[in-house]
Protein backbone atom coordinates (compact mmCIF):
# COMPACT_ATOMS: atom_id res chain seq x y z
CA MET A 1 -34.34 17.02 -30.56
CA LEU A 2 -33.47 15.19 -27.76
CA LEU A 3 -30.21 15.50 -25.97
CA ALA A 4 -29.01 12.17 -24.23
CA LEU A 5 -26.07 12.05 -22.01
CA ASP A 6 -24.45 9.51 -19.88
CA VAL A 7 -22.24 10.84 -17.19
CA GLY A 8 -19.80 8.45 -15.77
CA ASN A 9 -17.04 8.67 -13.41
CA THR A 10 -14.58 9.68 -15.86
CA GLN A 11 -16.05 10.89 -19.03
CA THR A 12 -19.39 11.98 -20.14
CA VAL A 13 -20.75 10.56 -23.62
CA VAL A 14 -23.45 13.33 -25.07
CA GLY A 15 -25.62 12.62 -27.80
CA LEU A 16 -28.06 14.48 -29.95
CA TYR A 17 -30.82 12.90 -31.24
CA ASP A 18 -33.48 13.82 -34.36
CA GLY A 19 -36.18 11.41 -33.74
CA GLY A 20 -34.23 7.79 -33.48
CA THR A 21 -31.06 9.18 -35.81
CA LEU A 22 -28.08 10.20 -33.54
CA ALA A 23 -27.63 13.14 -35.51
CA GLU A 24 -24.64 14.72 -33.24
CA HIS A 25 -22.05 13.29 -30.40
CA TRP A 26 -19.32 13.92 -27.98
CA ARG A 27 -17.17 12.50 -25.55
CA THR A 28 -16.04 14.74 -22.82
CA THR A 29 -14.09 14.61 -19.39
CA SER A 30 -16.41 14.32 -16.26
CA VAL A 31 -15.57 17.06 -14.00
CA ARG A 32 -17.69 16.00 -10.51
CA THR A 33 -17.65 19.75 -9.33
CA HIS A 34 -19.15 21.64 -12.16
CA THR A 35 -21.83 23.58 -11.27
CA ALA A 36 -25.28 24.00 -13.35
CA ASP A 37 -23.71 27.41 -15.02
CA GLU A 38 -20.15 25.31 -15.83
CA LEU A 39 -22.29 22.61 -16.98
CA ALA A 40 -24.39 24.71 -19.40
CA VAL A 41 -21.07 26.71 -20.83
CA GLU A 42 -19.85 23.39 -21.32
CA LEU A 43 -22.91 22.09 -23.42
CA ALA A 44 -23.76 25.43 -25.11
CA GLY A 45 -20.04 25.00 -26.44
CA LEU A 46 -20.48 21.54 -27.68
CA LEU A 47 -23.92 22.26 -29.16
CA ALA A 48 -22.04 25.37 -31.16
CA ILE A 49 -19.29 23.60 -32.77
CA ARG A 50 -21.94 21.62 -34.68
CA GLY A 51 -23.67 24.69 -35.56
CA ARG A 52 -26.22 23.96 -32.66
CA SER A 53 -27.87 25.57 -29.99
CA PHE A 54 -30.18 25.14 -26.88
CA ALA A 55 -33.16 25.96 -29.26
CA ASP A 56 -32.51 22.90 -30.97
CA VAL A 57 -33.31 20.78 -27.88
CA SER A 58 -36.69 19.83 -26.94
CA ALA A 59 -36.39 17.16 -24.47
CA THR A 60 -33.52 15.85 -22.23
CA VAL A 61 -32.75 12.12 -20.77
CA ALA A 62 -29.71 11.12 -18.83
CA SER A 63 -27.95 8.51 -16.45
CA SER A 64 -25.39 9.31 -14.11
CA GLY A 65 -23.09 7.84 -11.76
CA VAL A 66 -22.35 11.14 -9.96
CA PRO A 67 -25.13 12.55 -8.10
CA ARG A 68 -23.51 15.87 -8.16
CA LEU A 69 -23.74 16.50 -11.66
CA ALA A 70 -27.20 14.71 -12.22
CA ASP A 71 -28.63 17.51 -9.66
CA SER A 72 -26.66 19.99 -12.04
CA LEU A 73 -27.88 18.47 -15.39
CA SER A 74 -31.28 18.84 -13.83
CA ALA A 75 -30.96 22.57 -12.91
CA VAL A 76 -29.50 23.11 -16.71
CA ALA A 77 -32.29 21.25 -18.45
CA ARG A 78 -34.73 23.56 -16.17
CA SER A 79 -33.13 27.11 -16.40
CA HIS A 80 -32.09 26.62 -20.43
CA PHE A 81 -34.05 24.31 -22.06
CA GLY A 82 -37.15 25.34 -20.14
CA HIS A 83 -38.02 21.65 -19.42
CA GLU A 84 -37.60 18.92 -16.62
CA ALA A 85 -34.84 16.43 -17.45
CA LEU A 86 -35.69 12.63 -17.29
CA VAL A 87 -32.61 11.35 -14.94
CA VAL A 88 -33.13 7.50 -14.99
CA GLY A 89 -33.47 6.01 -11.77
CA PRO A 90 -35.88 4.23 -9.40
CA GLY A 91 -39.82 4.83 -10.43
CA VAL A 92 -38.60 5.43 -14.28
CA ARG A 93 -40.23 2.82 -16.80
CA THR A 94 -37.25 1.01 -18.83
CA GLY A 95 -39.44 -1.96 -19.47
CA LEU A 96 -36.50 -4.18 -18.29
CA PRO A 97 -37.19 -6.34 -14.64
CA LEU A 98 -33.96 -6.01 -12.57
CA LEU A 99 -34.14 -9.53 -10.84
CA VAL A 100 -31.31 -8.75 -8.25
CA ASP A 101 -31.19 -8.44 -4.57
CA ASN A 102 -31.25 -4.58 -4.70
CA PRO A 103 -32.33 -3.35 -7.74
CA HIS A 104 -31.86 0.19 -6.53
CA GLU A 105 -28.15 -0.75 -6.89
CA VAL A 106 -28.13 -1.06 -10.66
CA GLY A 107 -26.35 1.94 -12.42
CA ALA A 108 -28.75 3.75 -14.94
CA ASP A 109 -26.33 3.02 -17.51
CA ARG A 110 -26.21 -0.75 -16.85
CA VAL A 111 -29.87 -0.47 -17.38
CA ALA A 112 -29.76 1.41 -20.43
CA ASN A 113 -26.58 -0.79 -22.27
CA CYS A 114 -29.20 -4.16 -21.68
CA VAL A 115 -32.62 -2.30 -23.13
CA ALA A 116 -30.63 -1.23 -26.27
CA ALA A 117 -28.84 -4.51 -26.34
CA LEU A 118 -32.42 -5.87 -26.19
CA GLU A 119 -33.31 -3.91 -29.24
CA ARG A 120 -30.60 -5.48 -31.35
CA HIS A 121 -30.96 -9.56 -30.04
CA PRO A 122 -33.09 -11.46 -28.15
CA GLY A 123 -31.86 -12.75 -24.44
CA PRO A 124 -29.90 -14.24 -22.81
CA LEU A 125 -27.35 -12.03 -23.87
CA VAL A 126 -24.15 -9.97 -22.27
CA VAL A 127 -23.14 -6.26 -22.08
CA VAL A 128 -19.67 -5.61 -21.48
CA ASP A 129 -19.12 -1.74 -21.45
CA PHE A 130 -15.71 -0.91 -20.76
CA GLY A 131 -15.53 2.53 -18.37
CA THR A 132 -13.77 3.16 -15.33
CA ALA A 133 -14.94 -0.36 -14.58
CA ILE A 134 -15.60 -2.95 -16.67
CA ASN A 135 -19.23 -4.03 -16.39
CA PHE A 136 -20.53 -7.61 -17.15
CA ASP A 137 -24.35 -7.49 -17.45
CA ALA A 138 -26.29 -10.57 -18.15
CA VAL A 139 -29.71 -10.67 -19.16
CA SER A 140 -31.80 -13.92 -19.52
CA SER A 141 -33.80 -15.22 -22.31
CA ALA A 142 -37.10 -13.85 -20.77
CA GLY A 143 -35.10 -10.23 -21.06
CA GLU A 144 -34.49 -9.93 -17.45
CA PHE A 145 -31.15 -8.23 -15.90
CA VAL A 146 -30.31 -10.93 -13.14
CA GLY A 147 -26.86 -9.41 -12.12
CA GLY A 148 -23.61 -9.54 -14.08
CA ALA A 149 -19.90 -8.73 -12.65
CA ILE A 150 -17.64 -5.22 -12.16
CA ALA A 151 -13.75 -5.57 -12.42
CA PRO A 152 -11.28 -3.10 -12.69
CA GLY A 153 -10.79 -0.83 -16.28
CA LEU A 154 -7.92 -0.81 -17.87
CA GLU A 155 -7.04 3.10 -17.29
CA VAL A 156 -7.49 2.11 -13.41
CA SER A 157 -5.35 -0.95 -13.42
CA VAL A 158 -2.23 0.26 -15.27
CA ASN A 159 -2.52 3.57 -13.22
CA ALA A 160 -2.19 2.21 -10.22
CA LEU A 161 0.17 -0.40 -11.51
CA GLY A 162 2.64 2.66 -12.32
CA GLU A 163 2.12 4.35 -9.00
CA ARG A 164 2.27 1.15 -6.97
CA ALA A 165 5.29 -0.49 -8.39
CA ALA A 166 8.72 1.49 -8.62
CA ARG A 167 10.28 -0.15 -11.24
CA LEU A 168 6.86 0.25 -13.71
CA PHE A 169 6.02 3.52 -15.12
CA GLY A 170 2.45 4.98 -16.91
CA ILE A 171 2.11 3.65 -20.59
CA GLU A 172 0.46 4.68 -23.75
CA LEU A 173 -2.53 1.98 -24.07
CA ALA A 174 -1.78 0.29 -27.18
CA THR A 175 -1.67 -3.16 -28.76
CA PRO A 176 2.05 -4.40 -28.70
CA PRO A 177 3.61 -6.04 -31.63
CA ALA A 178 3.33 -9.29 -29.92
CA ALA A 179 2.29 -11.07 -26.50
CA ILE A 180 5.45 -11.56 -25.25
CA GLY A 181 6.84 -8.24 -24.81
CA LYS A 182 10.61 -7.23 -25.25
CA ASN A 183 11.04 -4.28 -22.63
CA THR A 184 9.05 -3.05 -19.73
CA ALA A 185 6.02 -1.05 -22.04
CA GLU A 186 5.33 -3.85 -24.49
CA ASN A 187 5.39 -5.88 -21.34
CA MET A 188 3.07 -3.97 -19.56
CA GLN A 189 0.95 -2.93 -22.89
CA SER A 190 0.57 -6.93 -23.35
CA GLY A 191 -0.82 -7.58 -19.71
CA ALA A 192 -3.14 -4.70 -20.21
CA ILE A 193 -4.48 -5.55 -23.83
CA PHE A 194 -4.28 -9.06 -23.95
CA GLY A 195 -4.55 -9.64 -20.37
CA PHE A 196 -8.27 -7.77 -20.21
CA ALA A 197 -8.92 -9.62 -23.58
CA GLY A 198 -8.60 -13.09 -22.07
CA LEU A 199 -10.57 -11.79 -18.90
CA VAL A 200 -13.68 -10.78 -20.89
CA ASP A 201 -13.65 -14.43 -22.17
CA GLY A 202 -13.25 -15.67 -19.43
CA MET A 203 -16.05 -13.85 -17.83
CA VAL A 204 -18.22 -14.39 -20.94
CA ARG A 205 -17.76 -18.04 -20.82
CA ARG A 206 -18.98 -18.51 -17.20
CA PHE A 207 -21.70 -16.38 -17.99
CA ALA A 208 -22.57 -18.59 -20.86
CA SER A 209 -22.23 -21.89 -18.75
CA GLU A 210 -24.86 -20.35 -16.37
CA LEU A 211 -26.98 -18.80 -18.94
CA GLY A 212 -26.51 -20.82 -22.07
CA ARG A 213 -25.88 -20.05 -25.75
CA LEU A 214 -25.81 -15.89 -26.07
CA SER A 215 -24.84 -13.14 -27.67
CA VAL A 216 -22.12 -10.67 -26.86
CA ILE A 217 -22.28 -6.82 -27.34
CA ALA A 218 -19.42 -4.16 -26.06
CA THR A 219 -19.48 -0.71 -25.95
CA GLY A 220 -17.39 1.93 -23.56
CA GLY A 221 -14.50 4.28 -24.58
CA LEU A 222 -11.45 1.42 -24.63
CA ALA A 223 -13.94 -1.56 -26.34
CA GLY A 224 -12.32 -0.76 -29.70
CA LEU A 225 -8.87 -1.44 -28.78
CA VAL A 226 -9.84 -4.44 -26.58
CA THR A 227 -12.18 -6.57 -28.44
CA PRO A 228 -10.08 -7.30 -31.54
CA HIS A 229 -8.50 -9.61 -29.29
CA CYS A 230 -11.41 -11.11 -27.71
CA GLU A 231 -13.02 -14.57 -28.75
CA THR A 232 -16.62 -14.00 -27.27
CA VAL A 233 -17.56 -10.71 -28.52
CA ASP A 234 -20.08 -10.60 -31.20
CA GLU A 235 -20.79 -7.07 -31.44
CA VAL A 236 -19.33 -3.28 -30.50
CA GLU A 237 -21.99 -0.45 -30.27
CA PRO A 238 -19.86 2.50 -29.03
CA TRP A 239 -23.19 4.64 -28.55
CA LEU A 240 -25.22 1.75 -26.75
CA THR A 241 -25.88 3.77 -23.76
CA LEU A 242 -27.42 6.73 -25.42
CA ASP A 243 -29.55 3.94 -27.72
CA GLY A 244 -30.77 2.94 -24.07
CA LEU A 245 -31.39 5.66 -23.08
CA ARG A 246 -33.30 7.23 -25.99
CA LEU A 247 -35.55 4.26 -25.78
CA ILE A 248 -36.09 4.73 -22.51
CA TRP A 249 -37.32 8.58 -22.87
CA GLU A 250 -39.82 6.83 -25.28
CA ARG A 251 -41.05 4.88 -23.05
CA ASN A 252 -41.72 7.61 -20.43
CA ARG A 253 -42.72 10.02 -23.19
């Protein structure tokens, strides 16, 4: 079975594939200071609660926005799984041309998202990933990554507002009853949920003016909260990055 990990700045998404089927999946907090041993304990626990073990893992593929955790993961694969992990980065075959000024700047998770999206829809398309940041990834009609945009994520924005504004405070990220809030919490929820929905629609329409008619796929932990209020999102796929990692691993077997 293939273990796929998308290590983000805030969360790590883990999937266990049986062939092309996502048999198990988990979402955990990324701990930047985890050593290889600590990461091994965490992975062993995740596998154990689903009746799995290290013995079930025959291959490992990962994307990581945290270099230290990528090193720890590689060490875990060698010492506990008995194989080298495929960590997506320069030199790894993805099948996705990167038509940008510096291809090394493109995050592995963004590459994986676009690879998976192209399996579902032909280009042009846009992937919107709701993570610590909101990534907008643009793919041309020829299946090339041509750039994108990065905006602050919902949690980052709401937390910063609570820290910087003396009369505001942290709120639950939930959809308010109306756009016009009746109290401070509803005001902030409206700005976060409906405001970011407007951000997504506005960015997608700008991308469409440059790429033409396109498909839009959303992913990420908070996609399900915002996308019901978007007008431009065609599909929500929470495990898009994991599917992209699986496809990249298959292309490098």
